[in-house]
Amino acid sequence: MSKTILAIIETDGFSEQVANRAAWIAKRYECDVELFFSDPTLGFLRDSFMISVDARQLSDGIRRAQEESLANLASGIAETGVTVTTSISHDRPASDAIVARALECDPMFVFKGTAYHSPAERATFTFTDWQLIRKLDYPLWLVKSRQWKDKPLIVAAVDPVHEKDKEGALDQAIVDAGKSIAEKCGGTLHLLHTYQRLHEIGAYAKFQFKPTRAPIEEIEAKMRTVHRRHLDAFAARNEIDADAIHQLPGRTREILPTFVRANGADLVIMGAVARSGLKRRIIGSTAEHVLDHLPCDILIARSA
């Protein structure tokens, strides 16, 4: 992995914030930044049936404006002492162009902006966002239009009892990323593990069996104890302080956004795993719902 951060600049994104966030992290990691301007619409204009002098002039004007915008962003980053390069792609689809560029430059992180609309309590994820989550083999940092604190709070969302991560590789990748970012940025790392309570799994769990009723309370107590034992063991291996370990009962899609808002988190780190037999990664339906409601930055970590 090279010492480069790839920052995706888009026409409909908040480019300056994405570039500045990437530069802020790059300075702390002592690495370079590449601003990659992705605009597949210009490629469509060039390839369309409207091949005429007017179409070419419009295309050239847009391209010059993009180059100027990119140069201004790069100039601002260079003033902070970070080495910055630029590149432009008009290939379609944008997700494939970004993946291809990432394979070429082997980045530490790929930064991309994602809009968040607080009145609706939802983030607006594009088709490109979801494709990058599934296809990109590098940590994907989704930037929201929200200022970071000088000492950011980072939340690592882990599941130490997840059956599909038996060796703990994904959780370890999440925590390794969180510890590294917290150290470089002077922030703090907290572990959060949520587990679904038995009565939330389905009404059938409370079905009255004959001749005795299912011992729901006893089963839930055992579940809570088992989850906590795994979480504490994982935290101990990673030298996480006890006051930074949180286990909360309930649905992740409800608990995680609430925890983030209540604690003023700046970054949530989640994991994506490779789906067996397919050349893409998944984060699970629950996690997809969570992403829509997180007001802070999100880092999608990858296991080997």
C-alpha atoms as a PDB file:
ATOM      1  CA  MET A   1       0.000   0.000   0.000  1.00  0.00           C
ATOM      2  CA  SER A   2       1.417   3.365  -1.043  1.00  0.00           C
ATOM      3  CA  LYS A   3       1.560   6.545   1.033  1.00  0.00           C
ATOM      4  CA  THR A   4      -1.229   8.157  -0.980  1.00  0.00           C
ATOM      5  CA  ILE A   5      -4.793   9.178  -0.197  1.00  0.00           C
ATOM      6  CA  LEU A   6      -7.128   9.162  -3.195  1.00  0.00           C
ATOM      7  CA  ALA A   7      -9.790  11.883  -2.864  1.00  0.00           C
ATOM      8  CA  ILE A   8     -12.734  11.658  -5.275  1.00  0.00           C
ATOM      9  CA  ILE A   9     -13.897  15.054  -6.514  1.00  0.00           C
ATOM     10  CA  GLU A  10     -17.350  15.248  -8.079  1.00  0.00           C
ATOM     11  CA  THR A  11     -19.395  17.971  -9.713  1.00  0.00           C
ATOM     12  CA  ASP A  12     -22.366  17.453  -7.375  1.00  0.00           C
ATOM     13  CA  GLY A  13     -20.378  16.895  -4.184  1.00  0.00           C
ATOM     14  CA  PHE A  14     -18.944  19.243  -1.563  1.00  0.00           C
ATOM     15  CA  SER A  15     -15.507  19.034  -3.140  1.00  0.00           C
ATOM     16  CA  GLU A  16     -13.684  21.483  -0.898  1.00  0.00           C
ATOM     17  CA  GLN A  17     -14.626  19.632   2.284  1.00  0.00           C
ATOM     18  CA  VAL A  18     -13.653  16.263   0.816  1.00  0.00           C
ATOM     19  CA  ALA A  19     -10.303  17.639  -0.325  1.00  0.00           C
ATOM     20  CA  ASN A  20      -9.628  19.366   2.998  1.00  0.00           C
ATOM     21  CA  ARG A  21     -10.563  16.307   5.062  1.00  0.00           C
ATOM     22  CA  ALA A  22      -8.293  14.155   2.922  1.00  0.00           C
ATOM     23  CA  ALA A  23      -5.459  16.671   3.281  1.00  0.00           C
ATOM     24  CA  TRP A  24      -5.979  16.890   7.063  1.00  0.00           C
ATOM     25  CA  ILE A  25      -5.610  13.111   7.405  1.00  0.00           C
ATOM     26  CA  ALA A  26      -2.750  13.001   4.881  1.00  0.00           C
ATOM     27  CA  LYS A  27      -0.742  15.533   6.878  1.00  0.00           C
ATOM     28  CA  ARG A  28      -1.038  13.389   9.993  1.00  0.00           C
ATOM     29  CA  TYR A  29      -0.032  10.253   8.128  1.00  0.00           C
ATOM     30  CA  GLU A  30       2.729  12.118   6.249  1.00  0.00           C
ATOM     31  CA  CYS A  31       1.434  10.979   2.901  1.00  0.00           C
ATOM     32  CA  ASP A  32       0.411  12.535  -0.424  1.00  0.00           C
ATOM     33  CA  VAL A  33      -3.017  13.336  -1.817  1.00  0.00           C
ATOM     34  CA  GLU A  34      -4.298  12.664  -5.303  1.00  0.00           C
ATOM     35  CA  LEU A  35      -7.408  14.604  -6.323  1.00  0.00           C
ATOM     36  CA  PHE A  36      -9.303  12.438  -8.800  1.00  0.00           C
ATOM     37  CA  PHE A  37     -12.017  14.369 -10.617  1.00  0.00           C
ATOM     38  CA  SER A  38     -14.728  11.978 -11.780  1.00  0.00           C
ATOM     39  CA  ASP A  39     -17.406  13.256 -14.167  1.00  0.00           C
ATOM     40  CA  PRO A  40     -18.876  10.607 -16.475  1.00  0.00           C
ATOM     41  CA  THR A  41     -21.427  13.061 -17.893  1.00  0.00           C
ATOM     42  CA  LEU A  42     -18.769  14.777 -19.975  1.00  0.00           C
ATOM     43  CA  GLY A  43     -17.881  11.437 -21.516  1.00  0.00           C
ATOM     44  CA  PHE A  44     -21.529  11.010 -22.441  1.00  0.00           C
ATOM     45  CA  LEU A  45     -21.555  14.418 -24.091  1.00  0.00           C
ATOM     46  CA  ARG A  46     -18.505  13.556 -26.148  1.00  0.00           C
ATOM     47  CA  ASP A  47     -19.910  10.176 -27.143  1.00  0.00           C
ATOM     48  CA  SER A  48     -23.437  11.366 -27.863  1.00  0.00           C
ATOM     49  CA  PHE A  49     -25.019  11.746 -31.257  1.00  0.00           C
ATOM     50  CA  MET A  50     -24.710  15.529 -30.955  1.00  0.00           C
ATOM     51  CA  ILE A  51     -21.255  15.575 -32.504  1.00  0.00           C
ATOM     52  CA  SER A  52     -21.056  19.167 -33.670  1.00  0.00           C
ATOM     53  CA  VAL A  53     -18.956  22.263 -33.216  1.00  0.00           C
ATOM     54  CA  ASP A  54     -21.305  23.468 -30.471  1.00  0.00           C
ATOM     55  CA  ALA A  55     -21.061  20.154 -28.612  1.00  0.00           C
ATOM     56  CA  ARG A  56     -17.270  20.179 -28.792  1.00  0.00           C
ATOM     57  CA  GLN A  57     -17.117  23.775 -27.579  1.00  0.00           C
ATOM     58  CA  LEU A  58     -19.416  22.963 -24.668  1.00  0.00           C
ATOM     59  CA  SER A  59     -17.333  19.900 -23.813  1.00  0.00           C
ATOM     60  CA  ASP A  60     -14.071  21.867 -23.966  1.00  0.00           C
ATOM     61  CA  GLY A  61     -15.525  24.624 -21.793  1.00  0.00           C
ATOM     62  CA  ILE A  62     -16.626  22.141 -19.133  1.00  0.00           C
ATOM     63  CA  ARG A  63     -13.249  20.419 -19.199  1.00  0.00           C
ATOM     64  CA  ARG A  64     -11.384  23.722 -18.729  1.00  0.00           C
ATOM     65  CA  ALA A  65     -13.667  24.646 -15.823  1.00  0.00           C
ATOM     66  CA  GLN A  66     -12.990  21.273 -14.209  1.00  0.00           C
ATOM     67  CA  GLU A  67      -9.247  21.681 -14.613  1.00  0.00           C
ATOM     68  CA  GLU A  68      -9.394  25.152 -13.081  1.00  0.00           C
ATOM     69  CA  SER A  69     -11.510  23.954 -10.156  1.00  0.00           C
ATOM     70  CA  LEU A  70      -9.145  21.051  -9.548  1.00  0.00           C
ATOM     71  CA  ALA A  71      -6.114  23.349  -9.702  1.00  0.00           C
ATOM     72  CA  ASN A  72      -7.660  25.665  -7.093  1.00  0.00           C
ATOM     73  CA  LEU A  73      -8.318  22.761  -4.734  1.00  0.00           C
ATOM     74  CA  ALA A  74      -4.791  21.462  -5.236  1.00  0.00           C
ATOM     75  CA  SER A  75      -3.329  24.899  -4.565  1.00  0.00           C
ATOM     76  CA  GLY A  76      -5.153  25.094  -1.237  1.00  0.00           C
ATOM     77  CA  ILE A  77      -3.855  21.691  -0.180  1.00  0.00           C
ATOM     78  CA  ALA A  78      -0.297  22.489  -1.261  1.00  0.00           C
ATOM     79  CA  GLU A  79      -0.310  25.498   1.061  1.00  0.00           C
ATOM     80  CA  THR A  80      -0.651  23.107   4.022  1.00  0.00           C
ATOM     81  CA  GLY A  81       2.590  21.388   3.060  1.00  0.00           C
ATOM     82  CA  VAL A  82       0.961  18.239   1.642  1.00  0.00           C
ATOM     83  CA  THR A  83       2.159  17.032  -1.754  1.00  0.00           C
ATOM     84  CA  VAL A  84      -0.803  16.902  -4.109  1.00  0.00           C
ATOM     85  CA  THR A  85      -1.371  15.619  -7.650  1.00  0.00           C
ATOM     86  CA  THR A  86      -4.472  15.714  -9.836  1.00  0.00           C
ATOM     87  CA  SER A  87      -6.152  13.538 -12.442  1.00  0.00           C
ATOM     88  CA  ILE A  88      -9.460  13.592 -14.321  1.00  0.00           C
ATOM     89  CA  SER A  89     -11.649  10.785 -15.613  1.00  0.00           C
ATOM     90  CA  HIS A  90     -14.745  10.990 -17.784  1.00  0.00           C
ATOM     91  CA  ASP A  91     -15.189   7.216 -18.001  1.00  0.00           C
ATOM     92  CA  ARG A  92     -18.486   5.503 -17.276  1.00  0.00           C
ATOM     93  CA  PRO A  93     -19.560   4.190 -14.872  1.00  0.00           C
ATOM     94  CA  ALA A  94     -17.813   6.345 -12.298  1.00  0.00           C
ATOM     95  CA  SER A  95     -17.452   3.486  -9.801  1.00  0.00           C
ATOM     96  CA  ASP A  96     -15.418   1.412 -12.261  1.00  0.00           C
ATOM     97  CA  ALA A  97     -13.190   4.373 -13.095  1.00  0.00           C
ATOM     98  CA  ILE A  98     -12.540   4.985  -9.376  1.00  0.00           C
ATOM     99  CA  VAL A  99     -11.794   1.308  -8.710  1.00  0.00           C
ATOM    100  CA  ALA A 100      -9.406   1.231 -11.666  1.00  0.00           C
ATOM    101  CA  ARG A 101      -7.565   4.339 -10.462  1.00  0.00           C
ATOM    102  CA  ALA A 102      -7.325   2.920  -6.945  1.00  0.00           C
ATOM    103  CA  LEU A 103      -5.741  -0.249  -8.308  1.00  0.00           C
ATOM    104  CA  GLU A 104      -3.149   1.904 -10.053  1.00  0.00           C
ATOM    105  CA  CYS A 105      -2.189   4.143  -7.122  1.00  0.00           C
ATOM    106  CA  ASP A 106      -2.762   1.607  -4.281  1.00  0.00           C
ATOM    107  CA  PRO A 107      -4.089   4.198  -1.795  1.00  0.00           C
ATOM    108  CA  MET A 108      -4.126   4.133   1.987  1.00  0.00           C
ATOM    109  CA  PHE A 109      -7.712   5.481   1.924  1.00  0.00           C
ATOM    110  CA  VAL A 110     -10.220   6.448  -0.740  1.00  0.00           C
ATOM    111  CA  PHE A 111     -12.161   9.575   0.277  1.00  0.00           C
ATOM    112  CA  LYS A 112     -15.553  10.376  -1.223  1.00  0.00           C
ATOM    113  CA  GLY A 113     -18.255  12.848  -0.266  1.00  0.00           C
ATOM    114  CA  THR A 114     -21.743  11.761   0.753  1.00  0.00           C
ATOM    115  CA  ALA A 115     -24.527  14.248   1.446  1.00  0.00           C
ATOM    116  CA  TYR A 116     -26.431  14.133   4.722  1.00  0.00           C
ATOM    117  CA  HIS A 117     -29.785  15.851   5.187  1.00  0.00           C
ATOM    118  CA  SER A 118     -30.454  16.239   8.901  1.00  0.00           C
ATOM    119  CA  PRO A 119     -34.153  17.256   8.643  1.00  0.00           C
ATOM    120  CA  ALA A 120     -34.940  13.940   6.996  1.00  0.00           C
ATOM    121  CA  GLU A 121     -32.445  12.116   9.232  1.00  0.00           C
ATOM    122  CA  ARG A 122     -31.003  10.349   6.195  1.00  0.00           C
ATOM    123  CA  ALA A 123     -27.890  10.351   4.097  1.00  0.00           C
ATOM    124  CA  THR A 124     -28.124  10.426   0.339  1.00  0.00           C
ATOM    125  CA  PHE A 125     -26.016   7.581  -0.994  1.00  0.00           C
ATOM    126  CA  THR A 126     -25.538   7.415  -4.738  1.00  0.00           C
ATOM    127  CA  PHE A 127     -25.288   4.377  -6.956  1.00  0.00           C
ATOM    128  CA  THR A 128     -21.546   5.018  -7.073  1.00  0.00           C
ATOM    129  CA  ASP A 129     -21.301   4.938  -3.249  1.00  0.00           C
ATOM    130  CA  TRP A 130     -22.917   1.517  -3.026  1.00  0.00           C
ATOM    131  CA  GLN A 131     -20.838   0.142  -5.893  1.00  0.00           C
ATOM    132  CA  LEU A 132     -17.628   1.307  -4.213  1.00  0.00           C
ATOM    133  CA  ILE A 133     -18.672  -0.331  -0.952  1.00  0.00           C
ATOM    134  CA  ARG A 134     -19.118  -3.600  -2.818  1.00  0.00           C
ATOM    135  CA  LYS A 135     -16.222  -3.453  -5.289  1.00  0.00           C
ATOM    136  CA  LEU A 136     -13.402  -1.421  -3.773  1.00  0.00           C
ATOM    137  CA  ASP A 137     -10.579  -3.369  -2.114  1.00  0.00           C
ATOM    138  CA  TYR A 138      -9.327  -0.336  -0.185  1.00  0.00           C
ATOM    139  CA  PRO A 139     -10.671   1.409   2.931  1.00  0.00           C
ATOM    140  CA  LEU A 140     -13.490   3.707   1.778  1.00  0.00           C
ATOM    141  CA  TRP A 141     -13.886   6.934   3.758  1.00  0.00           C
ATOM    142  CA  LEU A 142     -17.312   8.513   3.199  1.00  0.00           C
ATOM    143  CA  VAL A 143     -17.138  12.193   4.138  1.00  0.00           C
ATOM    144  CA  LYS A 144     -20.157  14.061   5.485  1.00  0.00           C
ATOM    145  CA  SER A 145     -20.483  17.856   5.542  1.00  0.00           C
ATOM    146  CA  ARG A 146     -19.766  18.114   9.250  1.00  0.00           C
ATOM    147  CA  GLN A 147     -16.782  19.688  10.996  1.00  0.00           C
ATOM    148  CA  TRP A 148     -14.456  17.476  13.003  1.00  0.00           C
ATOM    149  CA  LYS A 149     -13.394  18.255  16.542  1.00  0.00           C
ATOM    150  CA  ASP A 150      -9.716  18.963  17.190  1.00  0.00           C
ATOM    151  CA  LYS A 151      -9.592  15.660  19.061  1.00  0.00           C
ATOM    152  CA  PRO A 152     -12.041  13.438  17.181  1.00  0.00           C
ATOM    153  CA  LEU A 153     -14.109  10.679  18.743  1.00  0.00           C
ATOM    154  CA  ILE A 154     -13.929   7.471  16.731  1.00  0.00           C
ATOM    155  CA  VAL A 155     -16.401   4.614  17.142  1.00  0.00           C
ATOM    156  CA  ALA A 156     -15.433   1.101  16.041  1.00  0.00           C
ATOM    157  CA  ALA A 157     -18.584  -0.947  15.440  1.00  0.00           C
ATOM    158  CA  VAL A 158     -17.568  -4.552  16.160  1.00  0.00           C
ATOM    159  CA  ASP A 159     -19.259  -7.918  16.509  1.00  0.00           C
ATOM    160  CA  PRO A 160     -16.863 -10.341  18.254  1.00  0.00           C
ATOM    161  CA  VAL A 161     -19.412 -13.189  18.160  1.00  0.00           C
ATOM    162  CA  HIS A 162     -20.213 -12.917  14.444  1.00  0.00           C
ATOM    163  CA  GLU A 163     -20.170 -16.422  12.987  1.00  0.00           C
ATOM    164  CA  LYS A 164     -18.909 -15.219   9.589  1.00  0.00           C
ATOM    165  CA  ASP A 165     -15.857 -13.628  11.185  1.00  0.00           C
ATOM    166  CA  LYS A 166     -14.752 -16.579  13.292  1.00  0.00           C
ATOM    167  CA  GLU A 167     -11.099 -15.603  13.273  1.00  0.00           C
ATOM    168  CA  GLY A 168     -11.947 -12.014  14.119  1.00  0.00           C
ATOM    169  CA  ALA A 169     -10.114 -10.709  11.043  1.00  0.00           C
ATOM    170  CA  LEU A 170     -12.695  -8.087  10.173  1.00  0.00           C
ATOM    171  CA  ASP A 171     -13.125  -6.803  13.727  1.00  0.00           C
ATOM    172  CA  GLN A 172      -9.354  -6.636  14.028  1.00  0.00           C
ATOM    173  CA  ALA A 173      -9.099  -4.639  10.798  1.00  0.00           C
ATOM    174  CA  ILE A 174     -11.752  -2.231  12.136  1.00  0.00           C
ATOM    175  CA  VAL A 175      -9.954  -1.716  15.450  1.00  0.00           C
ATOM    176  CA  ASP A 176      -6.509  -1.469  13.847  1.00  0.00           C
ATOM    177  CA  ALA A 177      -7.803   1.326  11.622  1.00  0.00           C
ATOM    178  CA  GLY A 178      -9.467   3.055  14.565  1.00  0.00           C
ATOM    179  CA  LYS A 179      -6.384   2.876  16.781  1.00  0.00           C
ATOM    180  CA  SER A 180      -4.192   4.203  14.003  1.00  0.00           C
ATOM    181  CA  ILE A 181      -6.485   7.150  13.205  1.00  0.00           C
ATOM    182  CA  ALA A 182      -6.979   7.991  16.884  1.00  0.00           C
ATOM    183  CA  GLU A 183      -3.226   7.985  17.464  1.00  0.00           C
ATOM    184  CA  LYS A 184      -2.441  10.106  14.403  1.00  0.00           C
ATOM    185  CA  CYS A 185      -5.227  12.606  15.105  1.00  0.00           C
ATOM    186  CA  GLY A 186      -4.947  12.808  18.883  1.00  0.00           C
ATOM    187  CA  GLY A 187      -8.461  11.400  19.218  1.00  0.00           C
ATOM    188  CA  THR A 188     -10.082   8.643  21.250  1.00  0.00           C
ATOM    189  CA  LEU A 189     -11.357   5.246  20.155  1.00  0.00           C
ATOM    190  CA  HIS A 190     -14.482   3.592  21.564  1.00  0.00           C
ATOM    191  CA  LEU A 191     -15.739   0.073  20.880  1.00  0.00           C
ATOM    192  CA  LEU A 192     -19.458  -0.417  20.374  1.00  0.00           C
ATOM    193  CA  HIS A 193     -21.138  -3.802  20.142  1.00  0.00           C
ATOM    194  CA  THR A 194     -24.889  -4.173  19.832  1.00  0.00           C
ATOM    195  CA  TYR A 195     -26.824  -7.387  20.116  1.00  0.00           C
ATOM    196  CA  GLN A 196     -30.448  -8.085  19.375  1.00  0.00           C
ATOM    197  CA  ARG A 197     -32.567  -8.978  22.358  1.00  0.00           C
ATOM    198  CA  LEU A 198     -34.441 -12.229  22.203  1.00  0.00           C
ATOM    199  CA  HIS A 199     -37.908 -10.669  22.080  1.00  0.00           C
ATOM    200  CA  GLU A 200     -36.783  -8.585  19.073  1.00  0.00           C
ATOM    201  CA  ILE A 201     -35.744 -11.603  17.049  1.00  0.00           C
ATOM    202  CA  GLY A 202     -39.317 -12.675  16.562  1.00  0.00           C
ATOM    203  CA  ALA A 203     -42.617 -13.159  18.295  1.00  0.00           C
ATOM    204  CA  TYR A 204     -42.104 -16.894  18.073  1.00  0.00           C
ATOM    205  CA  ALA A 205     -39.442 -16.613  20.766  1.00  0.00           C
ATOM    206  CA  LYS A 206     -42.181 -16.019  23.316  1.00  0.00           C
ATOM    207  CA  PHE A 207     -44.350 -18.863  22.150  1.00  0.00           C
ATOM    208  CA  GLN A 208     -45.734 -20.791  25.106  1.00  0.00           C
ATOM    209  CA  PHE A 209     -44.458 -24.309  24.800  1.00  0.00           C
ATOM    210  CA  LYS A 210     -46.248 -27.130  26.563  1.00  0.00           C
ATOM    211  CA  PRO A 211     -45.961 -27.930  29.364  1.00  0.00           C
ATOM    212  CA  THR A 212     -43.679 -24.992  30.295  1.00  0.00           C
ATOM    213  CA  ARG A 213     -43.077 -21.473  29.048  1.00  0.00           C
ATOM    214  CA  ALA A 214     -39.755 -20.773  27.303  1.00  0.00           C
ATOM    215  CA  PRO A 215     -37.358 -19.191  29.877  1.00  0.00           C
ATOM    216  CA  ILE A 216     -36.875 -15.936  27.965  1.00  0.00           C
ATOM    217  CA  GLU A 217     -35.260 -13.986  30.821  1.00  0.00           C
ATOM    218  CA  GLU A 218     -32.721 -16.715  31.560  1.00  0.00           C
ATOM    219  CA  ILE A 219     -31.800 -17.108  27.894  1.00  0.00           C
ATOM    220  CA  GLU A 220     -31.372 -13.353  27.468  1.00  0.00           C
ATOM    221  CA  ALA A 221     -29.132 -13.185  30.555  1.00  0.00           C
ATOM    222  CA  LYS A 222     -26.937 -15.934  29.101  1.00  0.00           C
ATOM    223  CA  MET A 223     -26.824 -14.154  25.719  1.00  0.00           C
ATOM    224  CA  ARG A 224     -25.782 -10.911  27.367  1.00  0.00           C
ATOM    225  CA  THR A 225     -23.054 -12.666  29.356  1.00  0.00           C
ATOM    226  CA  VAL A 226     -21.672 -14.522  26.331  1.00  0.00           C
ATOM    227  CA  HIS A 227     -21.596 -11.380  24.188  1.00  0.00           C
ATOM    228  CA  ARG A 228     -19.906  -9.396  26.944  1.00  0.00           C
ATOM    229  CA  ARG A 229     -17.291 -12.087  27.536  1.00  0.00           C
ATOM    230  CA  HIS A 230     -16.315 -12.085  23.856  1.00  0.00           C
ATOM    231  CA  LEU A 231     -16.298  -8.272  23.736  1.00  0.00           C
ATOM    232  CA  ASP A 232     -14.136  -7.902  26.860  1.00  0.00           C
ATOM    233  CA  ALA A 233     -11.681 -10.530  25.617  1.00  0.00           C
ATOM    234  CA  PHE A 234     -11.386  -8.782  22.263  1.00  0.00           C
ATOM    235  CA  ALA A 235     -10.922  -5.383  23.950  1.00  0.00           C
ATOM    236  CA  ALA A 236      -8.268  -6.798  26.268  1.00  0.00           C
ATOM    237  CA  ARG A 237      -6.274  -8.172  23.332  1.00  0.00           C
ATOM    238  CA  ASN A 238      -6.327  -4.696  21.820  1.00  0.00           C
ATOM    239  CA  GLU A 239      -5.615  -2.858  25.079  1.00  0.00           C
ATOM    240  CA  ILE A 240      -8.854  -0.862  24.986  1.00  0.00           C
ATOM    241  CA  ASP A 241      -9.732   0.841  28.287  1.00  0.00           C
ATOM    242  CA  ALA A 242     -12.818  -0.410  30.094  1.00  0.00           C
ATOM    243  CA  ASP A 243     -14.530   2.990  29.951  1.00  0.00           C
ATOM    244  CA  ALA A 244     -14.271   2.926  26.153  1.00  0.00           C
ATOM    245  CA  ILE A 245     -16.140  -0.384  25.783  1.00  0.00           C
ATOM    246  CA  HIS A 246     -19.887  -0.272  25.160  1.00  0.00           C
ATOM    247  CA  GLN A 247     -22.332  -3.149  24.810  1.00  0.00           C
ATOM    248  CA  LEU A 248     -25.931  -2.146  24.192  1.00  0.00           C
ATOM    249  CA  PRO A 249     -29.019  -4.281  23.570  1.00  0.00           C
ATOM    250  CA  GLY A 250     -31.171  -3.492  20.578  1.00  0.00           C
ATOM    251  CA  ARG A 251     -31.176  -3.205  16.812  1.00  0.00           C
ATOM    252  CA  THR A 252     -27.938  -1.848  15.373  1.00  0.00           C
ATOM    253  CA  ARG A 253     -29.832   0.364  12.922  1.00  0.00           C
ATOM    254  CA  GLU A 254     -31.389   2.167  15.901  1.00  0.00           C
ATOM    255  CA  ILE A 255     -28.645   2.003  18.543  1.00  0.00           C
ATOM    256  CA  LEU A 256     -25.610   3.046  16.493  1.00  0.00           C
ATOM    257  CA  PRO A 257     -26.997   6.356  15.106  1.00  0.00           C
ATOM    258  CA  THR A 258     -28.322   7.240  18.567  1.00  0.00           C
ATOM    259  CA  PHE A 259     -24.978   6.458  20.189  1.00  0.00           C
ATOM    260  CA  VAL A 260     -23.164   8.560  17.590  1.00  0.00           C
ATOM    261  CA  ARG A 261     -25.381  11.598  18.182  1.00  0.00           C
ATOM    262  CA  ALA A 262     -25.349  11.256  21.967  1.00  0.00           C
ATOM    263  CA  ASN A 263     -21.551  11.097  22.104  1.00  0.00           C
ATOM    264  CA  GLY A 264     -20.765  13.491  19.247  1.00  0.00           C
ATOM    265  CA  ALA A 265     -18.758  10.933  17.281  1.00  0.00           C
ATOM    266  CA  ASP A 266     -16.766  12.175  14.297  1.00  0.00           C
ATOM    267  CA  LEU A 267     -16.123   8.844  12.585  1.00  0.00           C
ATOM    268  CA  VAL A 268     -17.732   5.399  12.627  1.00  0.00           C
ATOM    269  CA  ILE A 269     -15.699   2.457  11.364  1.00  0.00           C
ATOM    270  CA  MET A 270     -17.626  -0.530  10.032  1.00  0.00           C
ATOM    271  CA  GLY A 271     -16.598  -3.608   8.114  1.00  0.00           C
ATOM    272  CA  ALA A 272     -17.290  -5.179   4.735  1.00  0.00           C
ATOM    273  CA  VAL A 273     -16.603  -8.829   4.035  1.00  0.00           C
ATOM    274  CA  ALA A 274     -16.104 -10.683   0.774  1.00  0.00           C
ATOM    275  CA  ARG A 275     -19.109 -12.770  -0.213  1.00  0.00           C
ATOM    276  CA  SER A 276     -18.030 -16.315  -0.959  1.00  0.00           C
ATOM    277  CA  GLY A 277     -17.946 -17.085  -4.663  1.00  0.00           C
ATOM    278  CA  LEU A 278     -18.512 -13.497  -5.760  1.00  0.00           C
ATOM    279  CA  LYS A 279     -15.987 -10.786  -6.555  1.00  0.00           C
ATOM    280  CA  ARG A 280     -17.673  -8.182  -4.410  1.00  0.00           C
ATOM    281  CA  ARG A 281     -18.059  -7.294  -0.767  1.00  0.00           C
ATOM    282  CA  ILE A 282     -21.103  -6.870   1.402  1.00  0.00           C
ATOM    283  CA  ILE A 283     -21.851  -5.062   4.641  1.00  0.00           C
ATOM    284  CA  GLY A 284     -25.209  -6.673   5.342  1.00  0.00           C
ATOM    285  CA  SER A 285     -28.742  -5.295   5.155  1.00  0.00           C
ATOM    286  CA  THR A 286     -28.660  -4.010   8.744  1.00  0.00           C
ATOM    287  CA  ALA A 287     -25.470  -2.056   8.118  1.00  0.00           C
ATOM    288  CA  GLU A 288     -26.912  -0.601   4.927  1.00  0.00           C
ATOM    289  CA  HIS A 289     -29.823   0.808   6.926  1.00  0.00           C
ATOM    290  CA  VAL A 290     -27.381   2.193   9.506  1.00  0.00           C
ATOM    291  CA  LEU A 291     -25.345   4.036   6.875  1.00  0.00           C
ATOM    292  CA  ASP A 292     -28.421   5.996   5.857  1.00  0.00           C
ATOM    293  CA  HIS A 293     -28.802   7.452   9.348  1.00  0.00           C
ATOM    294  CA  LEU A 294     -25.265   8.257  10.482  1.00  0.00           C
ATOM    295  CA  PRO A 295     -24.569  12.012  10.536  1.00  0.00           C
ATOM    296  CA  CYS A 296     -20.779  11.601  10.816  1.00  0.00           C
ATOM    297  CA  ASP A 297     -18.042  10.303   8.539  1.00  0.00           C
ATOM    298  CA  ILE A 298     -17.986   6.557   7.881  1.00  0.00           C
ATOM    299  CA  LEU A 299     -14.956   4.395   7.166  1.00  0.00           C
ATOM    300  CA  ILE A 300     -15.625   1.017   5.539  1.00  0.00           C
ATOM    301  CA  ALA A 301     -12.731  -1.244   6.549  1.00  0.00           C
ATOM    302  CA  ARG A 302     -11.755  -4.397   4.682  1.00  0.00           C
ATOM    303  CA  SER A 303     -10.513  -7.722   5.953  1.00  0.00           C
ATOM    304  CA  ALA A 304      -7.738  -9.439   4.051  1.00  0.00           C
END
